Amino acid sequence: MYVVAERPQTPPRIAFELTRRRAHVSVESVPMSITDRLHALDTRQQQTRGLRFVAAVYKKFSDDQAGQLAALIAYYAFVSIFPLLLAFITILGFVLEGHPEDREKIVHGTLGQFPILSDHLTLGSLKGSGVALAIGIVGALLAGMGVTSAAQNAFNRIWHVPFKDRPNFVFSRLRSLAVLAILGTLTIVSTAAAGFVGSSSHGAPAVVAGVLVAFAVNVALFMTAFTLLTAAGVSWREYLPGVIVAAVLWQLLQHLGGYYVDHSLKHTQALYGIFALVLGLLAWLYLGAQLVIFAAEINVVRVRKLWPRSFFSEPLLDADRRALTSSAKVEERMGPESVEVSFDEQQSG
């Protein structure tokens, strides 16, 4: 008889402990994927005070495709800026015919609003018939209304104003004309004031006074623009935070543009300088339009409490649902039309 030696069996309790430890080690040894890390960062920004508001503004800016809205505004601004300056200088030639010094102050102040143009464009006094002047003014107004119409569309878009609640074709053009007239008047006042303040002396008091005057009028300009460019019923107090941000960013953009001109464009050759003028002005207008729209988005997120936001589809937060709902309702174009929004129940696991 042969006796076969059997292999001793591992006790059940010890076998269970070994299996549990191996499983624990294998789970911990697996590194986090990029998706998991992004989800973790998203969760952290939702829980961080201050950061979640800034992230929500950026999310709203992206959802509204504000970059494309800014590009349209910059295009119309680039097309309209030269005929508007031409009409402006022509009118000054008639009004201040006997005061060349005052005229030069206002002209340089106006060009100072556009640092890329200030050292590369020289406008002289134009003289012509009243009919030619009238035709030029009409052309400049039509070009300028393109800017205000594009800005109206952008501001109504970011405030999620339904198409049926926006001004019709006639009232939209009339509002654009009013906005253009008011902003043009304020711009002339601001540039004239800054020119007179800065011309007396180049000392520190004059510089500080010029900066304060420019900032105060920029606040008035953006408050007027934010109020008139949208059909959303919002009070001026609710517009104020975004207006201040827009005024600060615009003034910084002007100073940075002037610094770039002084240190880069002045040393370019004639032909290269023309291309630099065109491309630099277009890029400067596009960046300025983006900054203004971003400042307006701050008001929208703040007033409608659209934070915190999730950068991924799951899970949708309350602010995400409200933002997506109002964004869908923008497409309501007729009075009887009503867009209803529903969300599928998200399954966990």
Protein backbone atom coordinates (compact mmCIF):
# COMPACT_ATOMS: atom_id res chain seq x y z
CA MET A 1 0.00 0.00 0.00
CA TYR A 2 1.22 3.41 -0.93
CA VAL A 3 0.42 6.47 1.14
CA VAL A 4 0.19 9.71 -0.83
CA ALA A 5 1.28 12.77 1.12
CA GLU A 6 -1.28 15.50 0.70
CA ARG A 7 -0.26 19.19 0.54
CA PRO A 8 -1.34 20.93 3.68
CA GLN A 9 -4.29 23.24 3.12
CA THR A 10 -4.04 26.92 4.03
CA PRO A 11 -6.43 27.71 6.83
CA PRO A 12 -9.48 29.64 5.57
CA ARG A 13 -8.89 32.69 7.78
CA ILE A 14 -5.26 33.09 6.65
CA ALA A 15 -6.25 32.63 3.00
CA PHE A 16 -8.89 35.40 3.30
CA GLU A 17 -6.39 37.81 4.87
CA LEU A 18 -3.84 37.19 2.09
CA THR A 19 -6.47 37.75 -0.61
CA ARG A 20 -7.65 40.97 1.04
CA ARG A 21 -4.10 42.35 1.35
CA ARG A 22 -3.24 41.54 -2.26
CA ALA A 23 -6.43 43.26 -3.47
CA HIS A 24 -5.66 46.31 -1.32
CA VAL A 25 -2.13 46.57 -2.65
CA SER A 26 -3.25 46.16 -6.26
CA VAL A 27 -5.84 48.96 -5.94
CA GLU A 28 -3.41 51.40 -4.34
CA SER A 29 -0.70 50.66 -6.90
CA VAL A 30 -2.89 51.77 -9.83
CA PRO A 31 -2.08 55.46 -10.63
CA MET A 32 -4.86 58.04 -11.07
CA SER A 33 -5.81 58.71 -14.66
CA ILE A 34 -5.86 62.21 -16.16
CA THR A 35 -9.67 62.16 -16.10
CA ASP A 36 -9.68 61.32 -12.39
CA ARG A 37 -7.25 64.13 -11.66
CA LEU A 38 -9.34 66.60 -13.63
CA HIS A 39 -12.46 65.53 -11.74
CA ALA A 40 -10.59 65.99 -8.47
CA LEU A 41 -9.47 69.50 -9.48
CA ASP A 42 -13.01 70.31 -10.56
CA THR A 43 -14.36 69.20 -7.19
CA ARG A 44 -11.73 71.26 -5.40
CA GLN A 45 -12.54 74.47 -7.32
CA GLN A 46 -16.24 74.00 -6.52
CA GLN A 47 -15.38 73.98 -2.82
CA THR A 48 -12.85 76.85 -2.83
CA ARG A 49 -14.34 80.23 -2.03
CA GLY A 50 -13.41 82.93 -4.56
CA LEU A 51 -11.92 80.48 -7.04
CA ARG A 52 -15.31 78.92 -7.74
CA PHE A 53 -16.74 82.32 -8.70
CA VAL A 54 -13.89 83.05 -11.13
CA ALA A 55 -14.22 79.54 -12.57
CA ALA A 56 -17.96 80.07 -13.02
CA VAL A 57 -17.33 83.33 -14.91
CA TYR A 58 -14.87 81.54 -17.20
CA LYS A 59 -17.35 78.68 -17.70
CA LYS A 60 -20.11 81.15 -18.61
CA PHE A 61 -17.72 82.98 -20.96
CA SER A 62 -16.96 79.67 -22.70
CA ASP A 63 -20.60 78.51 -22.85
CA ASP A 64 -21.68 81.77 -24.52
CA GLN A 65 -18.91 81.46 -27.13
CA ALA A 66 -17.89 84.96 -26.10
CA GLY A 67 -14.68 84.77 -28.09
CA GLN A 68 -16.68 84.69 -31.32
CA LEU A 69 -18.89 87.55 -30.12
CA ALA A 70 -15.77 89.59 -29.34
CA ALA A 71 -14.33 88.81 -32.78
CA LEU A 72 -17.45 90.18 -34.45
CA ILE A 73 -17.31 93.37 -32.37
CA ALA A 74 -13.61 93.79 -33.15
CA TYR A 75 -14.25 93.35 -36.89
CA TYR A 76 -16.95 96.03 -37.00
CA ALA A 77 -14.87 98.30 -34.78
CA PHE A 78 -11.89 97.96 -37.12
CA VAL A 79 -14.04 98.71 -40.17
CA SER A 80 -15.73 101.71 -38.55
CA ILE A 81 -12.87 103.34 -36.69
CA PHE A 82 -11.32 105.12 -39.68
CA PRO A 83 -14.52 106.66 -41.14
CA LEU A 84 -15.57 107.71 -37.63
CA LEU A 85 -12.22 109.42 -37.05
CA LEU A 86 -12.47 111.02 -40.47
CA ALA A 87 -15.90 112.46 -39.72
CA PHE A 88 -14.77 113.51 -36.24
CA ILE A 89 -11.77 115.44 -37.53
CA THR A 90 -13.83 117.05 -40.28
CA ILE A 91 -16.41 118.31 -37.79
CA LEU A 92 -13.65 119.67 -35.57
CA GLY A 93 -12.24 121.50 -38.59
CA PHE A 94 -15.54 123.38 -38.94
CA VAL A 95 -16.31 123.93 -35.25
CA LEU A 96 -12.80 124.92 -34.08
CA GLU A 97 -11.61 126.59 -37.24
CA GLY A 98 -10.19 129.58 -35.37
CA HIS A 99 -8.74 127.56 -32.47
CA PRO A 100 -6.07 125.23 -33.84
CA GLU A 101 -4.49 124.58 -30.44
CA ASP A 102 -7.74 123.36 -28.89
CA ARG A 103 -8.36 121.23 -31.94
CA GLU A 104 -4.94 119.57 -31.65
CA LYS A 105 -5.55 118.79 -27.97
CA ILE A 106 -8.83 117.02 -28.71
CA VAL A 107 -7.38 115.17 -31.71
CA HIS A 108 -4.40 113.87 -29.73
CA GLY A 109 -6.71 112.96 -26.85
CA THR A 110 -8.95 110.97 -29.19
CA LEU A 111 -6.03 109.12 -30.77
CA GLY A 112 -4.74 108.49 -27.27
CA GLN A 113 -7.72 106.18 -26.74
CA PHE A 114 -6.11 103.90 -29.35
CA PRO A 115 -2.37 103.55 -28.53
CA ILE A 116 -1.65 101.63 -31.73
CA LEU A 117 -2.90 104.60 -33.78
CA SER A 118 -1.54 107.47 -31.73
CA ASP A 119 1.99 107.43 -33.17
CA HIS A 120 1.24 106.02 -36.63
CA LEU A 121 -1.72 108.07 -37.84
CA THR A 122 -1.72 111.80 -38.50
CA LEU A 123 -5.02 113.43 -39.33
CA GLY A 124 -5.11 116.88 -40.82
CA SER A 125 -7.91 119.36 -41.11
CA LEU A 126 -10.31 118.50 -43.90
CA LYS A 127 -12.31 121.09 -45.76
CA GLY A 128 -15.12 120.40 -48.17
CA SER A 129 -18.70 121.08 -49.06
CA GLY A 130 -21.59 120.49 -46.73
CA VAL A 131 -22.94 117.73 -48.98
CA ALA A 132 -19.65 115.83 -48.85
CA LEU A 133 -19.53 116.24 -45.10
CA ALA A 134 -23.10 114.96 -44.75
CA ILE A 135 -22.34 111.90 -46.88
CA GLY A 136 -19.23 111.20 -44.82
CA ILE A 137 -21.13 111.50 -41.55
CA VAL A 138 -23.88 109.16 -42.75
CA GLY A 139 -21.29 106.60 -43.83
CA ALA A 140 -19.49 106.88 -40.51
CA LEU A 141 -22.74 106.48 -38.58
CA LEU A 142 -23.68 103.37 -40.53
CA ALA A 143 -20.26 101.88 -39.83
CA GLY A 144 -20.49 102.81 -36.16
CA MET A 145 -23.95 101.29 -35.85
CA GLY A 146 -22.44 97.98 -36.94
CA VAL A 147 -20.35 98.01 -33.76
CA THR A 148 -23.27 98.86 -31.48
CA SER A 149 -25.52 96.25 -33.16
CA ALA A 150 -22.87 93.55 -32.67
CA ALA A 151 -22.44 94.69 -29.05
CA GLN A 152 -26.21 94.55 -28.47
CA ASN A 153 -26.31 90.99 -29.77
CA ALA A 154 -23.38 90.03 -27.54
CA PHE A 155 -24.82 91.55 -24.36
CA ASN A 156 -28.29 90.10 -24.95
CA ARG A 157 -26.63 86.75 -25.54
CA ILE A 158 -24.65 86.71 -22.32
CA TRP A 159 -27.70 87.90 -20.34
CA HIS A 160 -29.75 85.12 -21.99
CA VAL A 161 -32.43 87.51 -23.26
CA PRO A 162 -34.84 85.56 -25.51
CA PHE A 163 -35.13 86.79 -29.08
CA LYS A 164 -38.80 87.57 -28.56
CA ASP A 165 -37.92 90.00 -25.74
CA ARG A 166 -35.26 91.89 -27.71
CA PRO A 167 -35.97 95.13 -29.59
CA ASN A 168 -37.20 94.65 -33.15
CA PHE A 169 -35.25 95.74 -36.21
CA VAL A 170 -36.33 99.40 -36.07
CA PHE A 171 -35.94 99.93 -32.33
CA SER A 172 -32.65 98.02 -32.33
CA ARG A 173 -31.21 100.45 -34.93
CA LEU A 174 -32.57 103.45 -33.06
CA ARG A 175 -30.99 102.18 -29.86
CA SER A 176 -27.71 101.63 -31.68
CA LEU A 177 -27.84 105.20 -32.95
CA ALA A 178 -28.56 106.53 -29.45
CA VAL A 179 -25.74 104.46 -27.95
CA LEU A 180 -23.35 105.70 -30.63
CA ALA A 181 -24.32 109.34 -30.04
CA ILE A 182 -24.06 109.11 -26.23
CA LEU A 183 -20.79 107.17 -26.20
CA GLY A 184 -19.34 109.47 -28.85
CA THR A 185 -20.23 112.56 -26.80
CA LEU A 186 -18.76 111.08 -23.62
CA THR A 187 -15.61 110.09 -25.49
CA ILE A 188 -15.16 113.63 -26.80
CA VAL A 189 -15.67 115.03 -23.30
CA SER A 190 -13.22 112.59 -21.76
CA THR A 191 -10.51 113.15 -24.35
CA ALA A 192 -10.93 116.92 -24.21
CA ALA A 193 -10.72 116.92 -20.40
CA ALA A 194 -7.71 114.62 -20.38
CA GLY A 195 -6.04 116.75 -23.05
CA PHE A 196 -6.53 120.01 -21.17
CA VAL A 197 -5.39 118.48 -17.86
CA GLY A 198 -2.31 116.86 -19.33
CA SER A 199 -1.27 119.83 -21.45
CA SER A 200 -0.63 122.22 -18.57
CA SER A 201 2.26 120.29 -17.07
CA HIS A 202 3.99 116.94 -17.16
CA GLY A 203 4.43 116.75 -13.40
CA ALA A 204 2.97 114.13 -11.08
CA PRO A 205 -0.22 116.10 -10.22
CA ALA A 206 -1.13 116.43 -13.91
CA VAL A 207 -0.47 112.75 -14.56
CA VAL A 208 -2.57 111.67 -11.57
CA ALA A 209 -5.35 114.07 -12.59
CA GLY A 210 -5.31 112.74 -16.14
CA VAL A 211 -5.52 109.14 -14.93
CA LEU A 212 -8.39 109.93 -12.55
CA VAL A 213 -10.31 111.84 -15.22
CA ALA A 214 -9.82 109.02 -17.72
CA PHE A 215 -10.93 106.41 -15.17
CA ALA A 216 -14.01 108.38 -14.08
CA VAL A 217 -15.16 108.89 -17.67
CA ASN A 218 -14.42 105.26 -18.53
CA VAL A 219 -16.72 104.26 -15.67
CA ALA A 220 -19.42 106.54 -17.11
CA LEU A 221 -18.81 105.12 -20.60
CA PHE A 222 -19.11 101.49 -19.55
CA MET A 223 -22.08 102.14 -17.27
CA THR A 224 -23.88 103.72 -20.22
CA ALA A 225 -22.87 100.90 -22.54
CA PHE A 226 -23.81 98.11 -20.12
CA THR A 227 -27.19 99.73 -19.47
CA LEU A 228 -28.18 100.53 -23.06
CA LEU A 229 -26.74 97.52 -24.87
CA THR A 230 -29.01 94.92 -23.28
CA ALA A 231 -32.75 94.46 -22.82
CA ALA A 232 -32.26 92.70 -19.47
CA GLY A 233 -33.95 94.51 -16.60
CA VAL A 234 -30.97 95.11 -14.33
CA SER A 235 -30.32 98.08 -12.03
CA TRP A 236 -27.21 100.23 -12.22
CA ARG A 237 -26.06 98.94 -8.83
CA GLU A 238 -25.96 95.42 -10.23
CA TYR A 239 -23.97 96.64 -13.24
CA LEU A 240 -21.42 98.50 -11.08
CA PRO A 241 -18.94 95.66 -10.26
CA GLY A 242 -18.51 94.68 -13.90
CA VAL A 243 -18.32 98.33 -14.95
CA ILE A 244 -15.44 98.99 -12.55
CA VAL A 245 -13.62 95.86 -13.73
CA ALA A 246 -14.11 96.89 -17.36
CA ALA A 247 -12.84 100.43 -16.70
CA VAL A 248 -9.71 99.13 -14.93
CA LEU A 249 -8.97 96.52 -17.61
CA TRP A 250 -9.54 99.03 -20.42
CA GLN A 251 -7.19 101.56 -18.83
CA LEU A 252 -4.53 98.91 -18.31
CA LEU A 253 -4.94 97.83 -21.92
CA GLN A 254 -4.38 101.41 -23.07
CA HIS A 255 -1.20 101.73 -21.02
CA LEU A 256 0.10 98.36 -22.21
CA GLY A 257 -0.69 99.31 -25.79
CA GLY A 258 1.21 102.55 -25.40
CA TYR A 259 4.16 100.71 -23.86
CA TYR A 260 4.20 98.24 -26.76
CA VAL A 261 4.14 101.06 -29.30
CA ASP A 262 6.98 102.92 -27.56
CA HIS A 263 9.24 99.87 -27.34
CA SER A 264 8.40 97.89 -30.49
CA LEU A 265 6.51 99.61 -33.29
CA LYS A 266 8.58 102.80 -33.29
CA HIS A 267 11.61 100.89 -34.56
CA THR A 268 9.88 99.13 -37.44
CA GLN A 269 10.42 99.94 -41.07
CA ALA A 270 7.78 101.78 -43.11
CA LEU A 271 6.26 98.76 -44.89
CA TYR A 272 6.46 96.51 -41.85
CA GLY A 273 4.99 99.31 -39.76
CA ILE A 274 1.85 99.35 -41.91
CA PHE A 275 1.27 95.63 -41.34
CA ALA A 276 2.07 96.06 -37.66
CA LEU A 277 -0.47 98.90 -37.48
CA VAL A 278 -3.24 96.82 -39.07
CA LEU A 279 -2.57 93.57 -37.21
CA GLY A 280 -1.77 95.32 -33.94
CA LEU A 281 -4.93 97.42 -34.04
CA LEU A 282 -7.10 94.41 -34.87
CA ALA A 283 -5.54 92.32 -32.08
CA TRP A 284 -5.87 95.24 -29.64
CA LEU A 285 -9.57 95.69 -30.46
CA TYR A 286 -10.21 91.94 -30.16
CA LEU A 287 -8.51 91.74 -26.78
CA GLY A 288 -10.40 94.83 -25.58
CA ALA A 289 -13.74 93.35 -26.67
CA GLN A 290 -12.95 90.10 -24.85
CA LEU A 291 -12.08 91.94 -21.64
CA VAL A 292 -15.28 93.99 -21.75
CA ILE A 293 -17.44 90.90 -22.33
CA PHE A 294 -15.63 89.06 -19.52
CA ALA A 295 -16.40 91.99 -17.20
CA ALA A 296 -20.06 91.82 -18.25
CA GLU A 297 -20.09 88.08 -17.51
CA ILE A 298 -19.08 88.90 -13.93
CA ASN A 299 -22.35 90.79 -13.51
CA VAL A 300 -24.40 87.94 -14.98
CA VAL A 301 -22.85 85.30 -12.73
CA ARG A 302 -23.12 87.55 -9.69
CA VAL A 303 -26.71 88.70 -10.21
CA ARG A 304 -28.09 85.27 -11.11
CA LYS A 305 -25.87 83.39 -8.63
CA LEU A 306 -24.53 81.02 -11.28
CA TRP A 307 -21.81 79.46 -9.16
CA PRO A 308 -20.29 77.02 -8.44
CA ARG A 309 -20.20 75.35 -11.86
CA SER A 310 -19.01 71.94 -12.97
CA PHE A 311 -16.62 71.65 -15.90
CA PHE A 312 -17.78 68.07 -16.57
CA SER A 313 -21.19 66.72 -17.43
CA GLU A 314 -21.65 64.70 -14.26
CA PRO A 315 -22.90 65.55 -11.80
CA LEU A 316 -24.83 68.66 -12.86
CA LEU A 317 -25.04 71.25 -10.12
CA ASP A 318 -27.99 73.55 -9.50
CA ALA A 319 -26.18 76.49 -11.12
CA ASP A 320 -25.45 74.31 -14.17
CA ARG A 321 -29.11 73.44 -14.59
CA ARG A 322 -30.26 77.05 -14.30
CA ALA A 323 -27.58 78.29 -16.72
CA LEU A 324 -28.39 75.61 -19.29
CA THR A 325 -32.13 76.25 -18.96
CA SER A 326 -31.84 80.01 -19.52
CA SER A 327 -29.41 79.42 -22.39
CA ALA A 328 -31.95 77.19 -24.14
CA LYS A 329 -34.77 79.71 -23.62
CA VAL A 330 -32.80 82.29 -25.62
CA GLU A 331 -34.13 80.58 -28.76
CA GLU A 332 -37.72 81.63 -28.04
CA ARG A 333 -38.49 83.85 -31.02
CA MET A 334 -42.28 84.31 -31.01
CA GLY A 335 -44.68 85.31 -28.25
CA PRO A 336 -46.59 82.00 -28.05
CA GLU A 337 -43.38 79.95 -28.24
CA SER A 338 -42.14 78.46 -24.99
CA VAL A 339 -39.04 76.28 -24.67
CA GLU A 340 -39.21 73.65 -21.93
CA VAL A 341 -35.99 72.09 -20.63
CA SER A 342 -35.70 68.76 -18.81
CA PHE A 343 -32.73 66.74 -17.60
CA ASP A 344 -32.33 62.97 -17.52
CA GLU A 345 -31.83 61.49 -14.08
CA GLN A 346 -28.14 60.81 -13.62
CA GLN A 347 -27.26 57.32 -12.52
CA SER A 348 -24.53 56.98 -9.93
CA GLY A 349 -21.90 54.29 -10.18
